[in-house]
């Protein structure tokens, strides 16, 4: 699930900061949107005692920080 993000970062490695941001905005946003949707579905499907529920909730609770880190801006794909 995260492999596409690593591929995008690898592609953007030699780009300038502004080019990297453009690449991330065009290519990473759809991947992150799909990931967030999957997490929200899993959150509804998992029982609270399931170990994966803690991980899913942790990621969703820190989503804003992750999106700022990955994209350098407040994404509009919610």
C-alpha atoms as a PDB file:
ATOM      1  CA  UNK A   1       0.000   0.000   0.000  1.00  0.00           C
ATOM      2  CA  UNK A   2       2.878   2.376   0.691  1.00  0.00           C
ATOM      3  CA  UNK A   3       5.027   1.099  -2.172  1.00  0.00           C
ATOM      4  CA  UNK A   4       3.575   3.643  -4.659  1.00  0.00           C
ATOM      5  CA  UNK A   5       4.574   6.499  -2.326  1.00  0.00           C
ATOM      6  CA  UNK A   6       8.134   5.201  -2.161  1.00  0.00           C
ATOM      7  CA  UNK A   7       8.219   4.942  -5.969  1.00  0.00           C
ATOM      8  CA  UNK A   8       7.009   8.539  -6.287  1.00  0.00           C
ATOM      9  CA  UNK A   9       9.656   9.741  -3.826  1.00  0.00           C
ATOM     10  CA  UNK A  10      12.322   7.809  -5.717  1.00  0.00           C
ATOM     11  CA  UNK A  11      11.193   9.459  -8.946  1.00  0.00           C
ATOM     12  CA  UNK A  12      11.310  12.912  -7.323  1.00  0.00           C
ATOM     13  CA  UNK A  13      14.691  12.419  -5.643  1.00  0.00           C
ATOM     14  CA  UNK A  14      16.701  14.437  -8.168  1.00  0.00           C
ATOM     15  CA  UNK A  15      14.049  17.122  -8.674  1.00  0.00           C
ATOM     16  CA  UNK A  16      14.168  20.607  -7.214  1.00  0.00           C
ATOM     17  CA  UNK A  17      12.045  21.366  -4.150  1.00  0.00           C
ATOM     18  CA  UNK A  18       9.328  23.010  -6.241  1.00  0.00           C
ATOM     19  CA  UNK A  19       9.335  20.135  -8.737  1.00  0.00           C
ATOM     20  CA  UNK A  20       9.146  17.595  -5.883  1.00  0.00           C
ATOM     21  CA  UNK A  21       6.140  19.402  -4.452  1.00  0.00           C
ATOM     22  CA  UNK A  22       4.444  19.384  -7.860  1.00  0.00           C
ATOM     23  CA  UNK A  23       5.164  15.666  -8.306  1.00  0.00           C
ATOM     24  CA  UNK A  24       3.813  14.928  -4.837  1.00  0.00           C
ATOM     25  CA  UNK A  25       0.689  16.973  -5.406  1.00  0.00           C
ATOM     26  CA  UNK A  26      -0.052  15.270  -8.718  1.00  0.00           C
ATOM     27  CA  UNK A  27       0.926  11.710  -7.846  1.00  0.00           C
ATOM     28  CA  UNK A  28       0.924  11.272  -4.064  1.00  0.00           C
ATOM     29  CA  UNK A  29      -2.427  12.908  -3.350  1.00  0.00           C
ATOM     30  CA  UNK A  30      -4.473  10.179  -5.086  1.00  0.00           C
ATOM     31  CA  UNK A  31      -2.459   7.460  -3.325  1.00  0.00           C
ATOM     32  CA  UNK A  32      -2.943   9.118   0.057  1.00  0.00           C
ATOM     33  CA  UNK A  33      -6.640   9.633  -0.601  1.00  0.00           C
ATOM     34  CA  UNK A  34      -7.044   5.921  -1.357  1.00  0.00           C
ATOM     35  CA  UNK A  35      -5.048   4.992   1.747  1.00  0.00           C
ATOM     36  CA  UNK A  36      -7.192   7.239   3.945  1.00  0.00           C
ATOM     37  CA  UNK A  37     -10.391   5.749   2.545  1.00  0.00           C
ATOM     38  CA  UNK A  38      -9.120   2.228   3.254  1.00  0.00           C
ATOM     39  CA  UNK A  39      -8.204   3.224   6.802  1.00  0.00           C
ATOM     40  CA  UNK A  40     -11.675   4.675   7.379  1.00  0.00           C
ATOM     41  CA  UNK A  41     -13.297   1.468   6.096  1.00  0.00           C
ATOM     42  CA  UNK A  42     -11.047  -0.664   8.300  1.00  0.00           C
ATOM     43  CA  UNK A  43     -11.855   1.517  11.282  1.00  0.00           C
ATOM     44  CA  UNK A  44     -15.540   0.697  10.834  1.00  0.00           C
ATOM     45  CA  UNK A  45     -14.921  -3.004  10.267  1.00  0.00           C
ATOM     46  CA  UNK A  46     -12.487  -3.772  13.095  1.00  0.00           C
ATOM     47  CA  UNK A  47     -13.612  -4.440  16.631  1.00  0.00           C
ATOM     48  CA  UNK A  48     -11.989  -2.014  19.110  1.00  0.00           C
ATOM     49  CA  UNK A  49      -9.993  -4.813  20.780  1.00  0.00           C
ATOM     50  CA  UNK A  50      -8.307  -5.840  17.523  1.00  0.00           C
ATOM     51  CA  UNK A  51      -4.586  -4.898  17.474  1.00  0.00           C
ATOM     52  CA  UNK A  52      -4.984  -3.441  13.993  1.00  0.00           C
ATOM     53  CA  UNK A  53      -7.667  -1.059  15.301  1.00  0.00           C
ATOM     54  CA  UNK A  54      -5.055   0.704  17.440  1.00  0.00           C
ATOM     55  CA  UNK A  55      -2.780   1.144  14.432  1.00  0.00           C
ATOM     56  CA  UNK A  56      -5.577   2.418  12.200  1.00  0.00           C
ATOM     57  CA  UNK A  57      -6.768   4.883  14.848  1.00  0.00           C
ATOM     58  CA  UNK A  58      -3.213   6.085  15.459  1.00  0.00           C
ATOM     59  CA  UNK A  59      -2.659   6.834  11.774  1.00  0.00           C
ATOM     60  CA  UNK A  60      -6.017   8.576  11.397  1.00  0.00           C
ATOM     61  CA  UNK A  61      -5.435  10.621  14.567  1.00  0.00           C
ATOM     62  CA  UNK A  62      -2.112  11.831  13.134  1.00  0.00           C
ATOM     63  CA  UNK A  63      -3.247  12.219   9.534  1.00  0.00           C
ATOM     64  CA  UNK A  64      -2.807  16.008   9.374  1.00  0.00           C
ATOM     65  CA  UNK A  65       0.803  15.767  10.465  1.00  0.00           C
ATOM     66  CA  UNK A  66       1.518  12.970   8.027  1.00  0.00           C
ATOM     67  CA  UNK A  67      -0.023  14.895   5.167  1.00  0.00           C
ATOM     68  CA  UNK A  68       2.008  18.011   5.993  1.00  0.00           C
ATOM     69  CA  UNK A  69       5.164  15.925   6.170  1.00  0.00           C
ATOM     70  CA  UNK A  70       4.539  14.150   2.881  1.00  0.00           C
ATOM     71  CA  UNK A  71       3.130  17.017   0.868  1.00  0.00           C
ATOM     72  CA  UNK A  72       4.301  20.188   2.512  1.00  0.00           C
ATOM     73  CA  UNK A  73       0.779  21.634   2.434  1.00  0.00           C
ATOM     74  CA  UNK A  74      -2.751  21.074   3.666  1.00  0.00           C
ATOM     75  CA  UNK A  75      -4.196  18.692   1.095  1.00  0.00           C
ATOM     76  CA  UNK A  76      -7.742  19.023  -0.125  1.00  0.00           C
ATOM     77  CA  UNK A  77      -8.500  15.358  -0.723  1.00  0.00           C
ATOM     78  CA  UNK A  78     -10.552  14.593   2.388  1.00  0.00           C
END
